[in-house]
Amino acid sequence: MSKDGHRIVEIAMIEYAGSNPSGRVLHHYLNPQRDIDPAAQSVHGLTLDFLSDKPKFEDVADEIVQFITGAVLVIHNAPFDLSFLDAELQRACNGLVKWDTN
């Protein structure tokens, strides 16, 4: 969770082999288990009603960790996105995931 308790509502990753997509992808809509801030909803357009039957982050955390293990991540707006990903992984994995940001 972010400092305000916001949660990830969608996660998507594409694996590249060199400079080409490998065809391996990961995508999930996620149930945030809380109300969605109106400002955030105006950005992503996802409603709590749509997300209510989707998996929780902890339900897909292992799949996410397996997908990114050993990978180099290229992330738009990395500090923002990693703060959310780190908070969710800390919650789901009890702090077992550590980032190497070098």
PDB file of N, CA and C in Angstrom:
ATOM      1  N   MET A   1       0.837  -1.183   0.000  1.00  0.00           N
ATOM      2  CA  MET A   1       0.000   0.000   0.000  1.00  0.00           C
ATOM      3  C   MET A   1       0.878   1.241   0.000  1.00  0.00           C
ATOM      4  N   SER A   2       0.421   2.263  -0.635  1.00  0.00           N
ATOM      5  CA  SER A   2       1.143   3.522  -0.569  1.00  0.00           C
ATOM      6  C   SER A   2       0.898   4.132   0.805  1.00  0.00           C
ATOM      7  N   LYS A   3       1.528   5.247   1.056  1.00  0.00           N
ATOM      8  CA  LYS A   3       1.347   5.902   2.354  1.00  0.00           C
ATOM      9  C   LYS A   3      -0.108   6.279   2.599  1.00  0.00           C
ATOM     10  N   ASP A   4      -0.887   6.448   1.550  1.00  0.00           N
ATOM     11  CA  ASP A   4      -2.302   6.781   1.688  1.00  0.00           C
ATOM     12  C   ASP A   4      -3.197   5.547   1.608  1.00  0.00           C
ATOM     13  N   GLY A   5      -2.587   4.372   1.526  1.00  0.00           N
ATOM     14  CA  GLY A   5      -3.367   3.143   1.467  1.00  0.00           C
ATOM     15  C   GLY A   5      -3.838   2.748   0.082  1.00  0.00           C
ATOM     16  N   HIS A   6      -3.397   3.476  -0.953  1.00  0.00           N
ATOM     17  CA  HIS A   6      -3.780   3.131  -2.316  1.00  0.00           C
ATOM     18  C   HIS A   6      -3.183   1.781  -2.684  1.00  0.00           C
ATOM     19  N   ARG A   7      -3.836   1.085  -3.592  1.00  0.00           N
ATOM     20  CA  ARG A   7      -3.406  -0.262  -3.974  1.00  0.00           C
ATOM     21  C   ARG A   7      -3.280  -0.367  -5.493  1.00  0.00           C
ATOM     22  N   ILE A   8      -2.535  -1.362  -5.940  1.00  0.00           N
ATOM     23  CA  ILE A   8      -2.417  -1.641  -7.378  1.00  0.00           C
ATOM     24  C   ILE A   8      -3.729  -2.240  -7.866  1.00  0.00           C
ATOM     25  N   VAL A   9      -4.245  -1.728  -8.978  1.00  0.00           N
ATOM     26  CA  VAL A   9      -5.481  -2.250  -9.561  1.00  0.00           C
ATOM     27  C   VAL A   9      -5.247  -2.964 -10.889  1.00  0.00           C
ATOM     28  N   GLU A  10      -4.067  -2.779 -11.468  1.00  0.00           N
ATOM     29  CA  GLU A  10      -3.725  -3.481 -12.715  1.00  0.00           C
ATOM     30  C   GLU A  10      -2.214  -3.605 -12.787  1.00  0.00           C
ATOM     31  N   ILE A  11      -1.752  -4.761 -13.256  1.00  0.00           N
ATOM     32  CA  ILE A  11      -0.324  -4.964 -13.461  1.00  0.00           C
ATOM     33  C   ILE A  11      -0.136  -5.655 -14.798  1.00  0.00           C
ATOM     34  N   ALA A  12       0.822  -5.177 -15.567  1.00  0.00           N
ATOM     35  CA  ALA A  12       1.100  -5.764 -16.880  1.00  0.00           C
ATOM     36  C   ALA A  12       2.596  -5.723 -17.125  1.00  0.00           C
ATOM     37  N   MET A  13       3.121  -6.822 -17.653  1.00  0.00           N
ATOM     38  CA  MET A  13       4.550  -6.924 -17.953  1.00  0.00           C
ATOM     39  C   MET A  13       4.725  -7.666 -19.264  1.00  0.00           C
ATOM     40  N   ILE A  14       5.734  -7.252 -20.010  1.00  0.00           N
ATOM     41  CA  ILE A  14       6.100  -7.888 -21.273  1.00  0.00           C
ATOM     42  C   ILE A  14       7.569  -8.256 -21.186  1.00  0.00           C
ATOM     43  N   GLU A  15       7.888  -9.501 -21.474  1.00  0.00           N
ATOM     44  CA  GLU A  15       9.287  -9.922 -21.479  1.00  0.00           C
ATOM     45  C   GLU A  15       9.898  -9.648 -22.843  1.00  0.00           C
ATOM     46  N   TYR A  16      11.122  -9.118 -22.812  1.00  0.00           N
ATOM     47  CA  TYR A  16      11.895  -8.899 -24.033  1.00  0.00           C
ATOM     48  C   TYR A  16      13.110  -9.802 -24.021  1.00  0.00           C
ATOM     49  N   ALA A  17      13.462 -10.296 -25.188  1.00  0.00           N
ATOM     50  CA  ALA A  17      14.709 -11.035 -25.389  1.00  0.00           C
ATOM     51  C   ALA A  17      15.532 -10.156 -26.322  1.00  0.00           C
ATOM     52  N   GLY A  18      16.518  -9.496 -25.779  1.00  0.00           N
ATOM     53  CA  GLY A  18      17.232  -8.492 -26.566  1.00  0.00           C
ATOM     54  C   GLY A  18      16.301  -7.314 -26.762  1.00  0.00           C
ATOM     55  N   SER A  19      16.108  -6.923 -28.010  1.00  0.00           N
ATOM     56  CA  SER A  19      15.225  -5.788 -28.279  1.00  0.00           C
ATOM     57  C   SER A  19      13.877  -6.215 -28.837  1.00  0.00           C
ATOM     58  N   ASN A  20      13.553  -7.512 -28.710  1.00  0.00           N
ATOM     59  CA  ASN A  20      12.293  -8.016 -29.258  1.00  0.00           C
ATOM     60  C   ASN A  20      11.439  -8.671 -28.175  1.00  0.00           C
ATOM     61  N   PRO A  21      10.117  -8.451 -28.231  1.00  0.00           N
ATOM     62  CA  PRO A  21       9.239  -9.145 -27.294  1.00  0.00           C
ATOM     63  C   PRO A  21       9.374 -10.662 -27.473  1.00  0.00           C
ATOM     64  N   SER A  22       9.451 -11.384 -26.366  1.00  0.00           N
ATOM     65  CA  SER A  22       9.594 -12.843 -26.423  1.00  0.00           C
ATOM     66  C   SER A  22       8.253 -13.543 -26.611  1.00  0.00           C
ATOM     67  N   GLY A  23       7.164 -12.809 -26.383  1.00  0.00           N
ATOM     68  CA  GLY A  23       5.835 -13.417 -26.421  1.00  0.00           C
ATOM     69  C   GLY A  23       5.305 -13.755 -25.035  1.00  0.00           C
ATOM     70  N   ARG A  24       6.162 -13.692 -24.047  1.00  0.00           N
ATOM     71  CA  ARG A  24       5.759 -13.978 -22.670  1.00  0.00           C
ATOM     72  C   ARG A  24       5.230 -12.691 -22.033  1.00  0.00           C
ATOM     73  N   VAL A  25       3.995 -12.748 -21.549  1.00  0.00           N
ATOM     74  CA  VAL A  25       3.365 -11.578 -20.948  1.00  0.00           C
ATOM     75  C   VAL A  25       2.695 -11.965 -19.633  1.00  0.00           C
ATOM     76  N   LEU A  26       2.501 -10.975 -18.797  1.00  0.00           N
ATOM     77  CA  LEU A  26       1.753 -11.141 -17.556  1.00  0.00           C
ATOM     78  C   LEU A  26       0.806  -9.959 -17.462  1.00  0.00           C
ATOM     79  N   HIS A  27      -0.464 -10.223 -17.199  1.00  0.00           N
ATOM     80  CA  HIS A  27      -1.443  -9.145 -17.045  1.00  0.00           C
ATOM     81  C   HIS A  27      -2.526  -9.583 -16.075  1.00  0.00           C
ATOM     82  N   HIS A  28      -2.821  -8.719 -15.119  1.00  0.00           N
ATOM     83  CA  HIS A  28      -3.908  -8.969 -14.179  1.00  0.00           C
ATOM     84  C   HIS A  28      -4.568  -7.658 -13.798  1.00  0.00           C
ATOM     85  N   TYR A  29      -5.898  -7.674 -13.752  1.00  0.00           N
ATOM     86  CA  TYR A  29      -6.637  -6.661 -13.013  1.00  0.00           C
ATOM     87  C   TYR A  29      -6.701  -7.193 -11.592  1.00  0.00           C
ATOM     88  N   LEU A  30      -6.654  -6.289 -10.598  1.00  0.00           N
ATOM     89  CA  LEU A  30      -6.582  -6.714  -9.207  1.00  0.00           C
ATOM     90  C   LEU A  30      -7.643  -6.023  -8.358  1.00  0.00           C
ATOM     91  N   ASN A  31      -8.208  -6.787  -7.447  1.00  0.00           N
ATOM     92  CA  ASN A  31      -9.166  -6.262  -6.490  1.00  0.00           C
ATOM     93  C   ASN A  31      -8.394  -5.503  -5.415  1.00  0.00           C
ATOM     94  N   PRO A  32      -8.594  -4.183  -5.292  1.00  0.00           N
ATOM     95  CA  PRO A  32      -7.828  -3.409  -4.323  1.00  0.00           C
ATOM     96  C   PRO A  32      -8.326  -3.561  -2.882  1.00  0.00           C
ATOM     97  N   GLN A  33      -9.444  -4.201  -2.701  1.00  0.00           N
ATOM     98  CA  GLN A  33     -10.004  -4.439  -1.367  1.00  0.00           C
ATOM     99  C   GLN A  33     -10.260  -3.145  -0.603  1.00  0.00           C
ATOM    100  N   ARG A  34     -10.532  -2.086  -1.322  1.00  0.00           N
ATOM    101  CA  ARG A  34     -10.832  -0.785  -0.713  1.00  0.00           C
ATOM    102  C   ARG A  34     -11.437   0.112  -1.778  1.00  0.00           C
ATOM    103  N   ASP A  35     -12.005   1.210  -1.345  1.00  0.00           N
ATOM    104  CA  ASP A  35     -12.535   2.182  -2.291  1.00  0.00           C
ATOM    105  C   ASP A  35     -11.399   2.747  -3.132  1.00  0.00           C
ATOM    106  N   ILE A  36     -11.742   3.134  -4.349  1.00  0.00           N
ATOM    107  CA  ILE A  36     -10.756   3.719  -5.260  1.00  0.00           C
ATOM    108  C   ILE A  36     -10.882   5.232  -5.188  1.00  0.00           C
ATOM    109  N   ASP A  37      -9.759   5.898  -5.013  1.00  0.00           N
ATOM    110  CA  ASP A  37      -9.733   7.353  -4.971  1.00  0.00           C
ATOM    111  C   ASP A  37     -10.285   7.897  -6.292  1.00  0.00           C
ATOM    112  N   PRO A  38     -11.212   8.857  -6.236  1.00  0.00           N
ATOM    113  CA  PRO A  38     -11.791   9.401  -7.475  1.00  0.00           C
ATOM    114  C   PRO A  38     -10.753   9.945  -8.457  1.00  0.00           C
ATOM    115  N   ALA A  39      -9.693  10.569  -7.950  1.00  0.00           N
ATOM    116  CA  ALA A  39      -8.655  11.097  -8.858  1.00  0.00           C
ATOM    117  C   ALA A  39      -7.944   9.962  -9.580  1.00  0.00           C
ATOM    118  N   ALA A  40      -7.652   8.871  -8.869  1.00  0.00           N
ATOM    119  CA  ALA A  40      -7.013   7.719  -9.510  1.00  0.00           C
ATOM    120  C   ALA A  40      -7.953   7.084 -10.516  1.00  0.00           C
ATOM    121  N   GLN A  41      -9.219   6.960 -10.162  1.00  0.00           N
ATOM    122  CA  GLN A  41     -10.185   6.360 -11.081  1.00  0.00           C
ATOM    123  C   GLN A  41     -10.325   7.184 -12.353  1.00  0.00           C
ATOM    124  N   SER A  42     -10.193   8.503 -12.234  1.00  0.00           N
ATOM    125  CA  SER A  42     -10.287   9.332 -13.444  1.00  0.00           C
ATOM    126  C   SER A  42      -9.102   9.108 -14.370  1.00  0.00           C
ATOM    127  N   VAL A  43      -7.967   8.635 -13.821  1.00  0.00           N
ATOM    128  CA  VAL A  43      -6.788   8.345 -14.637  1.00  0.00           C
ATOM    129  C   VAL A  43      -6.908   6.983 -15.300  1.00  0.00           C
ATOM    130  N   HIS A  44      -7.208   5.935 -14.523  1.00  0.00           N
ATOM    131  CA  HIS A  44      -7.205   4.577 -15.083  1.00  0.00           C
ATOM    132  C   HIS A  44      -8.581   4.085 -15.517  1.00  0.00           C
ATOM    133  N   GLY A  45      -9.644   4.703 -15.063  1.00  0.00           N
ATOM    134  CA  GLY A  45     -10.991   4.354 -15.518  1.00  0.00           C
ATOM    135  C   GLY A  45     -11.551   3.057 -14.972  1.00  0.00           C
ATOM    136  N   LEU A  46     -10.866   2.432 -14.023  1.00  0.00           N
ATOM    137  CA  LEU A  46     -11.334   1.160 -13.474  1.00  0.00           C
ATOM    138  C   LEU A  46     -12.199   1.408 -12.243  1.00  0.00           C
ATOM    139  N   THR A  47     -13.310   0.700 -12.160  1.00  0.00           N
ATOM    140  CA  THR A  47     -14.224   0.874 -11.040  1.00  0.00           C
ATOM    141  C   THR A  47     -14.101  -0.283 -10.059  1.00  0.00           C
ATOM    142  N   LEU A  48     -14.489  -0.032  -8.828  1.00  0.00           N
ATOM    143  CA  LEU A  48     -14.484  -1.080  -7.816  1.00  0.00           C
ATOM    144  C   LEU A  48     -15.455  -2.189  -8.199  1.00  0.00           C
ATOM    145  N   ASP A  49     -16.560  -1.833  -8.829  1.00  0.00           N
ATOM    146  CA  ASP A  49     -17.518  -2.844  -9.277  1.00  0.00           C
ATOM    147  C   ASP A  49     -16.856  -3.802 -10.277  1.00  0.00           C
ATOM    148  N   PHE A  50     -16.103  -3.273 -11.247  1.00  0.00           N
ATOM    149  CA  PHE A  50     -15.408  -4.107 -12.225  1.00  0.00           C
ATOM    150  C   PHE A  50     -14.344  -4.974 -11.558  1.00  0.00           C
ATOM    151  N   LEU A  51     -13.645  -4.427 -10.574  1.00  0.00           N
ATOM    152  CA  LEU A  51     -12.520  -5.123  -9.946  1.00  0.00           C
ATOM    153  C   LEU A  51     -12.927  -6.066  -8.814  1.00  0.00           C
ATOM    154  N   SER A  52     -14.160  -6.013  -8.386  1.00  0.00           N
ATOM    155  CA  SER A  52     -14.568  -6.750  -7.188  1.00  0.00           C
ATOM    156  C   SER A  52     -14.412  -8.266  -7.304  1.00  0.00           C
ATOM    157  N   ASP A  53     -14.490  -8.828  -8.498  1.00  0.00           N
ATOM    158  CA  ASP A  53     -14.338 -10.286  -8.643  1.00  0.00           C
ATOM    159  C   ASP A  53     -12.941 -10.686  -9.151  1.00  0.00           C
ATOM    160  N   LYS A  54     -12.035  -9.721  -9.214  1.00  0.00           N
ATOM    161  CA  LYS A  54     -10.681 -10.004  -9.688  1.00  0.00           C
ATOM    162  C   LYS A  54      -9.826 -10.518  -8.524  1.00  0.00           C
ATOM    163  N   PRO A  55      -8.695 -11.164  -8.823  1.00  0.00           N
ATOM    164  CA  PRO A  55      -7.837 -11.672  -7.744  1.00  0.00           C
ATOM    165  C   PRO A  55      -7.242 -10.528  -6.929  1.00  0.00           C
ATOM    166  N   LYS A  56      -6.888 -10.839  -5.699  1.00  0.00           N
ATOM    167  CA  LYS A  56      -6.150  -9.905  -4.851  1.00  0.00           C
ATOM    168  C   LYS A  56      -4.670 -10.006  -5.225  1.00  0.00           C
ATOM    169  N   PHE A  57      -3.912  -8.975  -4.901  1.00  0.00           N
ATOM    170  CA  PHE A  57      -2.490  -8.987  -5.236  1.00  0.00           C
ATOM    171  C   PHE A  57      -1.814 -10.234  -4.693  1.00  0.00           C
ATOM    172  N   GLU A  58      -2.091 -10.584  -3.434  1.00  0.00           N
ATOM    173  CA  GLU A  58      -1.411 -11.735  -2.833  1.00  0.00           C
ATOM    174  C   GLU A  58      -1.716 -13.039  -3.575  1.00  0.00           C
ATOM    175  N   ASP A  59      -2.825 -13.081  -4.308  1.00  0.00           N
ATOM    176  CA  ASP A  59      -3.162 -14.280  -5.080  1.00  0.00           C
ATOM    177  C   ASP A  59      -2.256 -14.470  -6.294  1.00  0.00           C
ATOM    178  N   VAL A  60      -1.655 -13.397  -6.782  1.00  0.00           N
ATOM    179  CA  VAL A  60      -0.795 -13.469  -7.966  1.00  0.00           C
ATOM    180  C   VAL A  60       0.645 -13.061  -7.666  1.00  0.00           C
ATOM    181  N   ALA A  61       0.956 -12.795  -6.404  1.00  0.00           N
ATOM    182  CA  ALA A  61       2.293 -12.321  -6.030  1.00  0.00           C
ATOM    183  C   ALA A  61       3.387 -13.296  -6.456  1.00  0.00           C
ATOM    184  N   ASP A  62       3.190 -14.593  -6.231  1.00  0.00           N
ATOM    185  CA  ASP A  62       4.213 -15.570  -6.621  1.00  0.00           C
ATOM    186  C   ASP A  62       4.449 -15.557  -8.131  1.00  0.00           C
ATOM    187  N   GLU A  63       3.385 -15.458  -8.893  1.00  0.00           N
ATOM    188  CA  GLU A  63       3.510 -15.399 -10.353  1.00  0.00           C
ATOM    189  C   GLU A  63       4.294 -14.161 -10.780  1.00  0.00           C
ATOM    190  N   ILE A  64       4.034 -13.033 -10.137  1.00  0.00           N
ATOM    191  CA  ILE A  64       4.743 -11.793 -10.450  1.00  0.00           C
ATOM    192  C   ILE A  64       6.224 -11.931 -10.115  1.00  0.00           C
ATOM    193  N   VAL A  65       6.523 -12.448  -8.929  1.00  0.00           N
ATOM    194  CA  VAL A  65       7.923 -12.617  -8.512  1.00  0.00           C
ATOM    195  C   VAL A  65       8.646 -13.559  -9.472  1.00  0.00           C
ATOM    196  N   GLN A  66       8.009 -14.648  -9.873  1.00  0.00           N
ATOM    197  CA  GLN A  66       8.638 -15.578 -10.817  1.00  0.00           C
ATOM    198  C   GLN A  66       8.898 -14.898 -12.160  1.00  0.00           C
ATOM    199  N   PHE A  67       7.955 -14.054 -12.601  1.00  0.00           N
ATOM    200  CA  PHE A  67       8.091 -13.385 -13.888  1.00  0.00           C
ATOM    201  C   PHE A  67       9.274 -12.421 -13.885  1.00  0.00           C
ATOM    202  N   ILE A  68       9.494 -11.721 -12.773  1.00  0.00           N
ATOM    203  CA  ILE A  68      10.539 -10.692 -12.753  1.00  0.00           C
ATOM    204  C   ILE A  68      11.876 -11.174 -12.198  1.00  0.00           C
ATOM    205  N   THR A  69      11.918 -12.358 -11.611  1.00  0.00           N
ATOM    206  CA  THR A  69      13.172 -12.845 -11.032  1.00  0.00           C
ATOM    207  C   THR A  69      14.252 -12.937 -12.108  1.00  0.00           C
ATOM    208  N   GLY A  70      15.366 -12.273 -11.866  1.00  0.00           N
ATOM    209  CA  GLY A  70      16.491 -12.279 -12.794  1.00  0.00           C
ATOM    210  C   GLY A  70      16.337 -11.327 -13.966  1.00  0.00           C
ATOM    211  N   ALA A  71      15.224 -10.625 -14.031  1.00  0.00           N
ATOM    212  CA  ALA A  71      14.964  -9.735 -15.162  1.00  0.00           C
ATOM    213  C   ALA A  71      15.491  -8.336 -14.893  1.00  0.00           C
ATOM    214  N   VAL A  72      15.765  -7.622 -15.953  1.00  0.00           N
ATOM    215  CA  VAL A  72      16.020  -6.194 -15.886  1.00  0.00           C
ATOM    216  C   VAL A  72      14.680  -5.536 -16.176  1.00  0.00           C
ATOM    217  N   LEU A  73      14.208  -4.702 -15.251  1.00  0.00           N
ATOM    218  CA  LEU A  73      12.916  -4.059 -15.428  1.00  0.00           C
ATOM    219  C   LEU A  73      13.091  -2.672 -16.023  1.00  0.00           C
ATOM    220  N   VAL A  74      12.321  -2.391 -17.062  1.00  0.00           N
ATOM    221  CA  VAL A  74      12.280  -1.061 -17.653  1.00  0.00           C
ATOM    222  C   VAL A  74      10.894  -0.527 -17.325  1.00  0.00           C
ATOM    223  N   ILE A  75      10.868   0.545 -16.539  1.00  0.00           N
ATOM    224  CA  ILE A  75       9.601   1.003 -15.975  1.00  0.00           C
ATOM    225  C   ILE A  75       9.433   2.496 -16.219  1.00  0.00           C
ATOM    226  N   HIS A  76       8.305   2.866 -16.825  1.00  0.00           N
ATOM    227  CA  HIS A  76       7.947   4.278 -16.937  1.00  0.00           C
ATOM    228  C   HIS A  76       7.541   4.760 -15.548  1.00  0.00           C
ATOM    229  N   ASN A  77       8.060   5.900 -15.122  1.00  0.00           N
ATOM    230  CA  ASN A  77       7.741   6.467 -13.808  1.00  0.00           C
ATOM    231  C   ASN A  77       8.107   5.495 -12.682  1.00  0.00           C
ATOM    232  N   ALA A  78       9.306   4.956 -12.754  1.00  0.00           N
ATOM    233  CA  ALA A  78       9.758   3.891 -11.853  1.00  0.00           C
ATOM    234  C   ALA A  78       9.612   4.208 -10.364  1.00  0.00           C
ATOM    235  N   PRO A  79       9.997   5.359  -9.863  1.00  0.00           N
ATOM    236  CA  PRO A  79       9.858   5.577  -8.416  1.00  0.00           C
ATOM    237  C   PRO A  79       8.412   5.413  -7.933  1.00  0.00           C
ATOM    238  N   PHE A  80       7.475   5.931  -8.701  1.00  0.00           N
ATOM    239  CA  PHE A  80       6.055   5.806  -8.342  1.00  0.00           C
ATOM    240  C   PHE A  80       5.613   4.352  -8.409  1.00  0.00           C
ATOM    241  N   ASP A  81       5.872   3.701  -9.544  1.00  0.00           N
ATOM    242  CA  ASP A  81       5.419   2.316  -9.731  1.00  0.00           C
ATOM    243  C   ASP A  81       6.095   1.356  -8.758  1.00  0.00           C
ATOM    244  N   LEU A  82       7.401   1.514  -8.548  1.00  0.00           N
ATOM    245  CA  LEU A  82       8.106   0.612  -7.638  1.00  0.00           C
ATOM    246  C   LEU A  82       7.658   0.798  -6.195  1.00  0.00           C
ATOM    247  N   SER A  83       7.256   2.008  -5.825  1.00  0.00           N
ATOM    248  CA  SER A  83       6.772   2.203  -4.456  1.00  0.00           C
ATOM    249  C   SER A  83       5.501   1.387  -4.228  1.00  0.00           C
ATOM    250  N   PHE A  84       4.639   1.332  -5.226  1.00  0.00           N
ATOM    251  CA  PHE A  84       3.421   0.527  -5.114  1.00  0.00           C
ATOM    252  C   PHE A  84       3.747  -0.961  -5.145  1.00  0.00           C
ATOM    253  N   LEU A  85       4.593  -1.366  -6.086  1.00  0.00           N
ATOM    254  CA  LEU A  85       4.950  -2.778  -6.206  1.00  0.00           C
ATOM    255  C   LEU A  85       5.658  -3.262  -4.942  1.00  0.00           C
ATOM    256  N   ASP A  86       6.562  -2.455  -4.431  1.00  0.00           N
ATOM    257  CA  ASP A  86       7.278  -2.817  -3.215  1.00  0.00           C
ATOM    258  C   ASP A  86       6.316  -2.960  -2.040  1.00  0.00           C
ATOM    259  N   ALA A  87       5.394  -2.021  -1.895  1.00  0.00           N
ATOM    260  CA  ALA A  87       4.435  -2.084  -0.790  1.00  0.00           C
ATOM    261  C   ALA A  87       3.561  -3.330  -0.889  1.00  0.00           C
ATOM    262  N   GLU A  88       3.116  -3.650  -2.089  1.00  0.00           N
ATOM    263  CA  GLU A  88       2.276  -4.845  -2.262  1.00  0.00           C
ATOM    264  C   GLU A  88       3.080  -6.120  -1.989  1.00  0.00           C
ATOM    265  N   LEU A  89       4.315  -6.169  -2.492  1.00  0.00           N
ATOM    266  CA  LEU A  89       5.142  -7.356  -2.257  1.00  0.00           C
ATOM    267  C   LEU A  89       5.521  -7.489  -0.787  1.00  0.00           C
ATOM    268  N   GLN A  90       5.782  -6.382  -0.129  1.00  0.00           N
ATOM    269  CA  GLN A  90       6.074  -6.437   1.309  1.00  0.00           C
ATOM    270  C   GLN A  90       4.881  -7.028   2.054  1.00  0.00           C
ATOM    271  N   ARG A  91       3.712  -6.591   1.681  1.00  0.00           N
ATOM    272  CA  ARG A  91       2.490  -7.076   2.328  1.00  0.00           C
ATOM    273  C   ARG A  91       2.257  -8.555   2.029  1.00  0.00           C
ATOM    274  N   ALA A  92       2.441  -8.954   0.780  1.00  0.00           N
ATOM    275  CA  ALA A  92       2.133 -10.321   0.358  1.00  0.00           C
ATOM    276  C   ALA A  92       3.242 -11.312   0.695  1.00  0.00           C
ATOM    277  N   CYS A  93       4.483 -10.852   0.674  1.00  0.00           N
ATOM    278  CA  CYS A  93       5.626 -11.762   0.819  1.00  0.00           C
ATOM    279  C   CYS A  93       6.397 -11.538   2.111  1.00  0.00           C
ATOM    280  N   ASN A  94       5.850 -10.756   3.005  1.00  0.00           N
ATOM    281  CA  ASN A  94       6.502 -10.496   4.292  1.00  0.00           C
ATOM    282  C   ASN A  94       7.928  -9.966   4.141  1.00  0.00           C
ATOM    283  N   GLY A  95       8.151  -9.094   3.164  1.00  0.00           N
ATOM    284  CA  GLY A  95       9.446  -8.453   3.023  1.00  0.00           C
ATOM    285  C   GLY A  95      10.538  -9.318   2.435  1.00  0.00           C
ATOM    286  N   LEU A  96      10.202 -10.415   1.777  1.00  0.00           N
ATOM    287  CA  LEU A  96      11.219 -11.303   1.243  1.00  0.00           C
ATOM    288  C   LEU A  96      11.824 -10.844  -0.069  1.00  0.00           C
ATOM    289  N   VAL A  97      11.234  -9.843  -0.704  1.00  0.00           N
ATOM    290  CA  VAL A  97      11.732  -9.344  -1.978  1.00  0.00           C
ATOM    291  C   VAL A  97      12.483  -8.046  -1.722  1.00  0.00           C
ATOM    292  N   LYS A  98      13.697  -7.950  -2.238  1.00  0.00           N
ATOM    293  CA  LYS A  98      14.520  -6.745  -2.098  1.00  0.00           C
ATOM    294  C   LYS A  98      14.926  -6.275  -3.493  1.00  0.00           C
ATOM    295  N   TRP A  99      14.844  -4.967  -3.746  1.00  0.00           N
ATOM    296  CA  TRP A  99      15.190  -4.403  -5.047  1.00  0.00           C
ATOM    297  C   TRP A  99      16.654  -4.051  -5.111  1.00  0.00           C
ATOM    298  N   ASP A 100      17.272  -4.308  -6.255  1.00  0.00           N
ATOM    299  CA  ASP A 100      18.604  -3.827  -6.557  1.00  0.00           C
ATOM    300  C   ASP A 100      18.411  -2.774  -7.622  1.00  0.00           C
ATOM    301  N   THR A 101      18.514  -1.514  -7.264  1.00  0.00           N
ATOM    302  CA  THR A 101      18.197  -0.429  -8.194  1.00  0.00           C
ATOM    303  C   THR A 101      19.401   0.092  -8.940  1.00  0.00           C
ATOM    304  N   ASN A 102      20.485  -0.659  -8.973  1.00  0.00           N
ATOM    305  CA  ASN A 102      21.672  -0.223  -9.701  1.00  0.00           C
ATOM    306  C   ASN A 102      21.573  -0.540 -11.162  1.00  0.00           C
TER     307      ASN A 102
END
